[in-house]
Amino acid sequence: MEIKCACQKSFESQHTGNDFKEFLKEAKTEFSKVREECPVLNSIVFPDKIWNKYINNEYPYDKAHHDSAFFIAFRGKILSLYTTPLHAFLLDDNNKIRKDVSKNYLKDLRESWITLESETQQIEIKMHKEGRRYFGKFFELRLAYLLSKEGYEINDLEVWGGKSDIFAVKKKEQNETGYAIEVKYIGKEDDDFKRAMDKVLGTWSQQEKANFLLYKICEAADQLKKENRKATEKTCAIIIENYSRDHFEYAMKNGFFNLNTPEFEEHEIMKDKLKTNKNQRKQDKIEAIFADPASYVECLDEVWIYMMDNVGLDFNLMYRYNVRTKQSESFI
């Protein structure tokens, strides 16, 4: 699929000095021009109301120096990696938003999180939480696009009203296998972010990392129970951000994580964290997962774990586990 749009071109700065504010001013001016021409940017990511608020705010917007993911990508000459999946799955042949696109999902893909204000919560924490939630939705589409490039046919998506985040079909000779995929994005957790903000050393233990990974797999399995299409491999796809990958890689390499015997170890602190501010129904679900994780894992057919690269847009498959055969492949 060839996309002809201004967003596919790389930004070439004419700024030669060391003044970052001047560079930002130039980049934002050029980004504004691209936005005017790109339907993904002007109708999905930055519709007028959000754009006007964003463009009139003065950077930095908070002490953590959060900024629009799409503007950062534009400055880094990789904007097309962000916009292409949205062109592919959200727009029709006339570059209009498809009629089957969920309004709630569309709302989640607007970069309104970067214009947040807060009187009750530290703005850095609020932006961090909402930004992580934003990327959770965005990376579903990014993974679907990458799978399409690997020979999978994307038949359905949650954004189109599908039961699963992604429903993909892989053809091999005369056979077809359908994969109902639930995507779980693991970004920097709130405690890690707070420590980084306060420049305090320390992070989750390796066992806590392994516990959290298992919990997200069980959560995906629970969500896939509604998937009833025939000849379907129920698949959990975990995407781990580049800032956290070293911790999870270590936990996986050194015996803290084992899907052959899925168990939570030293988990009480983590369970209490997960239950904080949750309603009773969600608290009961968390209790059920921690009580018997194996029963959830057994509902799956496969688990794929991807680690993001340093750029943050390419996913490298690091681990693949077949629940039925209990065989795993590690690419770490």
Protein backbone atom coordinates (compact mmCIF):
# COMPACT_ATOMS: atom_id res chain seq x y z
CA MET A 1 0.00 0.00 0.00
CA GLU A 2 1.61 3.20 -1.18
CA ILE A 3 0.68 6.26 0.82
CA LYS A 4 1.04 9.63 -0.87
CA CYS A 5 0.90 12.22 1.87
CA ALA A 6 3.01 15.02 3.28
CA CYS A 7 3.57 12.95 6.42
CA GLN A 8 5.72 10.50 4.46
CA LYS A 9 8.47 13.06 3.87
CA SER A 10 11.32 13.61 6.34
CA PHE A 11 11.81 16.95 8.08
CA GLU A 12 15.04 18.70 7.12
CA SER A 13 15.93 21.45 9.54
CA GLN A 14 17.59 24.60 8.23
CA HIS A 15 18.60 25.60 11.75
CA THR A 16 22.36 25.54 12.31
CA GLY A 17 22.76 26.99 15.80
CA ASN A 18 22.55 25.45 19.27
CA ASP A 19 19.40 27.25 20.39
CA PHE A 20 16.90 24.45 21.00
CA LYS A 21 13.97 26.88 21.30
CA GLU A 22 14.71 28.24 17.83
CA PHE A 23 14.92 24.72 16.48
CA LEU A 24 11.55 23.87 18.08
CA LYS A 25 10.01 27.02 16.63
CA GLU A 26 11.15 26.06 13.13
CA ALA A 27 10.10 22.42 13.55
CA LYS A 28 6.65 23.35 14.86
CA THR A 29 6.10 25.71 11.92
CA GLU A 30 6.95 22.94 9.46
CA PHE A 31 4.91 20.39 11.42
CA SER A 32 1.92 22.74 11.20
CA LYS A 33 2.23 22.73 7.40
CA VAL A 34 2.34 18.92 7.31
CA ARG A 35 -0.67 18.71 9.63
CA GLU A 36 -2.72 20.88 7.26
CA GLU A 37 -2.10 18.41 4.44
CA CYS A 38 -2.24 15.09 6.35
CA PRO A 39 -5.73 13.71 7.13
CA VAL A 40 -4.33 11.48 9.88
CA LEU A 41 -2.92 14.49 11.71
CA ASN A 42 -5.72 17.00 11.11
CA SER A 43 -8.72 14.69 11.55
CA ILE A 44 -7.52 12.02 13.99
CA VAL A 45 -4.45 12.95 16.04
CA PHE A 46 -4.79 16.73 16.16
CA PRO A 47 -8.27 18.00 15.23
CA ASP A 48 -8.58 21.77 15.44
CA LYS A 49 -9.67 22.08 19.07
CA ILE A 50 -6.78 20.02 20.43
CA TRP A 51 -4.29 21.46 17.94
CA ASN A 52 -5.10 25.06 18.85
CA LYS A 53 -4.57 24.33 22.51
CA TYR A 54 -1.33 22.46 21.85
CA ILE A 55 0.20 24.97 19.44
CA ASN A 56 -0.46 27.89 21.80
CA ASN A 57 1.09 26.23 24.84
CA GLU A 58 4.71 27.02 25.60
CA TYR A 59 7.22 24.17 25.83
CA PRO A 60 8.15 22.59 28.23
CA TYR A 61 4.62 21.72 29.30
CA ASP A 62 5.78 19.99 32.50
CA LYS A 63 8.97 19.19 34.39
CA ALA A 64 9.26 15.80 32.65
CA HIS A 65 9.40 17.54 29.24
CA HIS A 66 6.52 15.51 27.82
CA ASP A 67 5.64 16.34 24.24
CA SER A 68 3.48 15.08 21.40
CA ALA A 69 4.68 11.68 20.17
CA PHE A 70 3.92 12.69 16.60
CA PHE A 71 5.83 15.97 16.87
CA ILE A 72 8.82 14.18 18.40
CA ALA A 73 8.65 11.65 15.55
CA PHE A 74 8.53 14.50 13.03
CA ARG A 75 11.65 16.08 14.54
CA GLY A 76 13.34 12.66 14.49
CA LYS A 77 12.48 12.09 10.82
CA ILE A 78 10.28 9.05 11.54
CA LEU A 79 6.80 10.59 11.39
CA SER A 80 5.73 8.11 8.69
CA LEU A 81 6.25 5.21 11.13
CA TYR A 82 3.55 6.76 13.32
CA THR A 83 1.09 7.88 10.65
CA THR A 84 1.22 4.92 8.24
CA PRO A 85 -0.76 2.43 10.42
CA LEU A 86 -3.48 5.06 10.89
CA HIS A 87 -3.59 5.73 7.15
CA ALA A 88 -3.82 1.98 6.51
CA PHE A 89 -6.56 1.08 8.99
CA LEU A 90 -8.57 4.23 9.76
CA LEU A 91 -8.98 6.02 6.43
CA ASP A 92 -10.94 5.02 3.34
CA ASP A 93 -9.89 5.46 -0.30
CA ASN A 94 -10.99 9.10 -0.15
CA ASN A 95 -8.80 9.81 2.89
CA LYS A 96 -11.86 10.14 5.11
CA ILE A 97 -12.31 8.33 8.41
CA ARG A 98 -13.86 4.92 7.77
CA LYS A 99 -17.51 4.64 8.80
CA ASP A 100 -16.86 1.50 10.87
CA VAL A 101 -14.21 3.16 13.07
CA SER A 102 -15.28 3.19 16.71
CA LYS A 103 -15.88 6.72 18.02
CA ASN A 104 -14.48 5.81 21.43
CA TYR A 105 -11.35 4.33 19.87
CA LEU A 106 -10.97 7.40 17.69
CA LYS A 107 -11.19 9.58 20.78
CA ASP A 108 -8.42 7.52 22.40
CA LEU A 109 -6.14 8.22 19.42
CA ARG A 110 -6.34 11.99 19.76
CA GLU A 111 -3.24 13.49 21.38
CA SER A 112 -5.30 15.37 23.95
CA TRP A 113 -3.11 13.94 26.75
CA ILE A 114 -0.36 16.44 25.93
CA THR A 115 -2.72 19.36 26.62
CA LEU A 116 -3.83 18.12 30.05
CA GLU A 117 -4.13 20.37 33.03
CA SER A 118 -4.42 19.28 36.64
CA GLU A 119 -5.33 20.91 39.92
CA THR A 120 -5.61 17.73 41.98
CA GLN A 121 -2.67 15.67 40.74
CA GLN A 122 0.93 16.38 39.81
CA ILE A 123 0.70 17.15 36.10
CA GLU A 124 3.76 15.04 35.24
CA ILE A 125 2.15 11.91 36.72
CA LYS A 126 -1.18 12.60 35.04
CA MET A 127 0.48 13.09 31.64
CA HIS A 128 2.54 9.94 32.18
CA LYS A 129 -0.54 7.84 32.93
CA GLU A 130 -2.59 9.21 30.04
CA GLY A 131 0.35 8.99 27.65
CA ARG A 132 0.88 5.32 28.54
CA ARG A 133 -2.82 4.66 27.94
CA TYR A 134 -2.60 6.47 24.60
CA PHE A 135 0.31 4.32 23.42
CA GLY A 136 -1.54 1.17 24.46
CA LYS A 137 -4.15 1.93 21.78
CA PHE A 138 -1.70 3.20 19.21
CA PHE A 139 0.57 0.15 19.44
CA GLU A 140 -2.34 -2.17 18.67
CA LEU A 141 -2.47 -0.58 15.22
CA ARG A 142 1.30 -0.49 14.88
CA LEU A 143 1.53 -4.23 15.60
CA ALA A 144 -1.31 -4.96 13.16
CA TYR A 145 0.58 -3.07 10.47
CA LEU A 146 3.83 -4.92 11.16
CA LEU A 147 1.98 -8.28 11.05
CA SER A 148 0.50 -7.31 7.68
CA LYS A 149 4.04 -6.76 6.42
CA GLU A 150 4.96 -10.27 7.66
CA GLY A 151 2.28 -11.94 5.53
CA TYR A 152 -0.68 -11.87 7.92
CA GLU A 153 -4.02 -10.77 6.51
CA ILE A 154 -5.73 -8.36 8.91
CA ASN A 155 -9.40 -9.36 8.85
CA ASP A 156 -10.70 -7.48 11.88
CA LEU A 157 -9.62 -4.94 14.48
CA GLU A 158 -11.08 -3.63 17.70
CA VAL A 159 -11.05 -0.18 16.12
CA TRP A 160 -13.54 -1.52 13.54
CA GLY A 161 -15.74 -3.01 16.27
CA GLY A 162 -14.02 -6.42 16.41
CA LYS A 163 -14.08 -8.76 19.42
CA SER A 164 -10.28 -8.87 19.67
CA ASP A 165 -7.67 -6.14 19.34
CA ILE A 166 -6.48 -7.85 16.14
CA PHE A 167 -7.82 -10.78 14.13
CA ALA A 168 -5.18 -11.89 11.63
CA VAL A 169 -5.03 -14.84 9.24
CA LYS A 170 -1.79 -16.51 8.24
CA LYS A 171 -1.84 -18.66 5.10
CA LYS A 172 0.61 -21.53 4.74
CA GLU A 173 0.29 -23.68 1.63
CA GLN A 174 -3.34 -24.89 1.64
CA ASN A 175 -3.99 -24.08 5.31
CA GLU A 176 -5.17 -20.96 7.04
CA THR A 177 -4.75 -20.16 10.73
CA GLY A 178 -6.66 -17.37 12.39
CA TYR A 179 -5.06 -15.50 15.29
CA ALA A 180 -7.26 -13.63 17.75
CA ILE A 181 -4.73 -11.31 19.37
CA GLU A 182 -5.05 -9.31 22.55
CA VAL A 183 -2.31 -6.69 22.81
CA LYS A 184 -0.86 -5.58 26.15
CA TYR A 185 1.56 -2.68 26.26
CA ILE A 186 3.93 -2.45 29.22
CA GLY A 187 5.27 1.06 29.61
CA LYS A 188 7.16 2.62 32.45
CA GLU A 189 5.15 2.04 35.63
CA ASP A 190 4.13 4.94 37.85
CA ASP A 191 6.60 4.10 40.62
CA ASP A 192 9.48 3.89 38.15
CA PHE A 193 8.44 7.19 36.61
CA LYS A 194 8.24 8.89 40.01
CA ARG A 195 11.68 7.61 40.93
CA ALA A 196 13.09 8.90 37.66
CA MET A 197 11.45 12.27 38.27
CA ASP A 198 12.87 12.44 41.79
CA LYS A 199 16.22 11.01 40.64
CA VAL A 200 15.89 8.22 43.18
CA LEU A 201 17.62 4.94 42.45
CA GLY A 202 15.77 1.65 42.62
CA THR A 203 12.95 0.01 40.74
CA TRP A 204 10.74 -3.08 40.84
CA SER A 205 12.47 -6.31 41.77
CA GLN A 206 13.01 -8.91 39.04
CA GLN A 207 10.33 -11.09 40.63
CA GLU A 208 7.87 -8.20 40.54
CA LYS A 209 8.64 -7.70 36.84
CA ALA A 210 7.98 -11.38 36.17
CA ASN A 211 4.77 -11.25 38.23
CA PHE A 212 3.52 -8.23 36.30
CA LEU A 213 4.29 -9.89 32.98
CA LEU A 214 2.33 -12.99 34.02
CA TYR A 215 -0.54 -10.82 35.25
CA LYS A 216 -0.83 -9.03 31.89
CA ILE A 217 -0.86 -12.40 30.09
CA CYS A 218 -3.67 -13.63 32.34
CA GLU A 219 -5.57 -10.38 31.79
CA ALA A 220 -5.32 -10.87 28.02
CA ALA A 221 -6.49 -14.48 28.35
CA ASP A 222 -9.55 -13.35 30.29
CA GLN A 223 -10.42 -10.82 27.57
CA LEU A 224 -10.08 -13.45 24.83
CA LYS A 225 -12.70 -15.72 26.41
CA LYS A 226 -15.33 -13.94 24.30
CA GLU A 227 -13.55 -14.96 21.09
CA ASN A 228 -15.44 -17.92 19.57
CA ARG A 229 -14.39 -17.98 15.91
CA LYS A 230 -13.39 -21.43 14.67
CA ALA A 231 -9.80 -22.43 13.83
CA THR A 232 -8.54 -19.58 15.95
CA GLU A 233 -5.31 -19.35 17.93
CA LYS A 234 -6.00 -17.23 20.97
CA THR A 235 -2.85 -15.16 21.30
CA CYS A 236 -1.53 -12.71 23.85
CA ALA A 237 0.94 -10.21 22.39
CA ILE A 238 2.95 -8.29 24.97
CA ILE A 239 4.82 -5.16 23.87
CA ILE A 240 7.48 -3.92 26.32
CA GLU A 241 8.76 -0.38 25.88
CA ASN A 242 12.45 0.23 25.31
CA TYR A 243 13.00 1.94 28.69
CA SER A 244 11.85 -1.18 30.54
CA ARG A 245 13.17 -3.93 28.29
CA ASP A 246 16.45 -4.53 30.17
CA HIS A 247 14.60 -5.32 33.40
CA PHE A 248 12.18 -7.73 31.73
CA GLU A 249 14.91 -9.38 29.65
CA TYR A 250 16.87 -10.08 32.83
CA ALA A 251 13.82 -11.54 34.57
CA MET A 252 13.10 -13.81 31.59
CA LYS A 253 16.70 -14.94 31.16
CA ASN A 254 17.29 -15.78 34.81
CA GLY A 255 14.40 -18.03 35.76
CA PHE A 256 11.95 -15.53 37.24
CA PHE A 257 9.41 -16.18 34.48
CA ASN A 258 8.18 -19.64 33.45
CA LEU A 259 4.90 -20.27 31.64
CA ASN A 260 5.26 -24.05 32.01
CA THR A 261 4.45 -23.58 35.70
CA PRO A 262 2.79 -20.16 35.93
CA GLU A 263 2.85 -18.97 39.52
CA PHE A 264 3.06 -15.65 41.31
CA GLU A 265 5.93 -15.42 43.78
CA GLU A 266 6.29 -12.76 46.49
CA HIS A 267 3.28 -11.05 45.04
CA GLU A 268 1.33 -9.42 47.87
CA ILE A 269 2.78 -5.92 47.36
CA MET A 270 2.08 -6.01 43.63
CA LYS A 271 -1.43 -7.38 44.08
CA ASP A 272 -2.24 -4.56 46.51
CA LYS A 273 -0.89 -1.99 44.01
CA LEU A 274 -3.03 -3.40 41.23
CA LYS A 275 -6.15 -3.33 43.39
CA THR A 276 -5.69 0.32 44.42
CA ASN A 277 -8.57 2.54 43.24
CA LYS A 278 -10.28 -0.37 41.45
CA ASN A 279 -13.98 -1.15 41.82
CA GLN A 280 -15.07 -4.35 43.56
CA ARG A 281 -15.61 -6.27 40.33
CA LYS A 282 -12.06 -5.53 39.15
CA GLN A 283 -10.64 -6.32 42.59
CA ASP A 284 -12.40 -9.70 42.51
CA LYS A 285 -10.94 -10.39 39.05
CA ILE A 286 -7.44 -9.56 40.27
CA GLU A 287 -7.91 -11.92 43.23
CA ALA A 288 -9.05 -14.68 40.86
CA ILE A 289 -6.03 -14.23 38.59
CA PHE A 290 -3.57 -14.31 41.47
CA ALA A 291 -5.28 -17.35 42.98
CA ASP A 292 -5.00 -19.51 39.85
CA PRO A 293 -2.92 -18.03 37.00
CA ALA A 294 -2.52 -21.42 35.32
CA SER A 295 -6.23 -21.63 34.54
CA TYR A 296 -5.99 -18.34 32.64
CA VAL A 297 -2.82 -19.23 30.73
CA GLU A 298 -4.48 -22.50 29.67
CA CYS A 299 -7.18 -20.48 27.88
CA LEU A 300 -4.54 -19.26 25.43
CA ASP A 301 -2.87 -20.98 22.49
CA GLU A 302 0.17 -18.74 22.11
CA VAL A 303 2.06 -15.96 23.87
CA TRP A 304 4.23 -13.54 21.92
CA ILE A 305 6.51 -11.09 23.74
CA TYR A 306 7.95 -8.19 21.81
CA MET A 307 10.63 -5.75 22.95
CA MET A 308 10.70 -2.31 21.40
CA ASP A 309 13.90 -1.03 19.89
CA ASN A 310 15.57 2.22 20.94
CA VAL A 311 13.66 4.23 18.37
CA GLY A 312 10.50 2.80 19.87
CA LEU A 313 8.52 1.87 16.78
CA ASP A 314 9.93 -1.47 15.67
CA PHE A 315 9.00 -4.51 17.74
CA ASN A 316 11.43 -7.41 17.96
CA LEU A 317 9.88 -10.78 18.80
CA MET A 318 11.92 -11.95 21.79
CA TYR A 319 9.87 -14.87 23.07
CA ARG A 320 7.18 -17.18 21.69
CA TYR A 321 5.38 -19.80 23.73
CA ASN A 322 2.95 -22.48 22.58
CA VAL A 323 0.60 -23.28 25.45
CA ARG A 324 -0.55 -26.59 23.98
CA THR A 325 2.89 -28.10 23.39
CA LYS A 326 4.59 -26.15 26.22
CA GLN A 327 7.39 -25.35 23.81
CA SER A 328 9.02 -21.96 23.76
CA GLU A 329 11.40 -20.07 21.51
CA SER A 330 13.59 -17.37 22.97
CA PHE A 331 15.28 -14.77 20.79
CA ILE A 332 16.83 -12.79 23.65
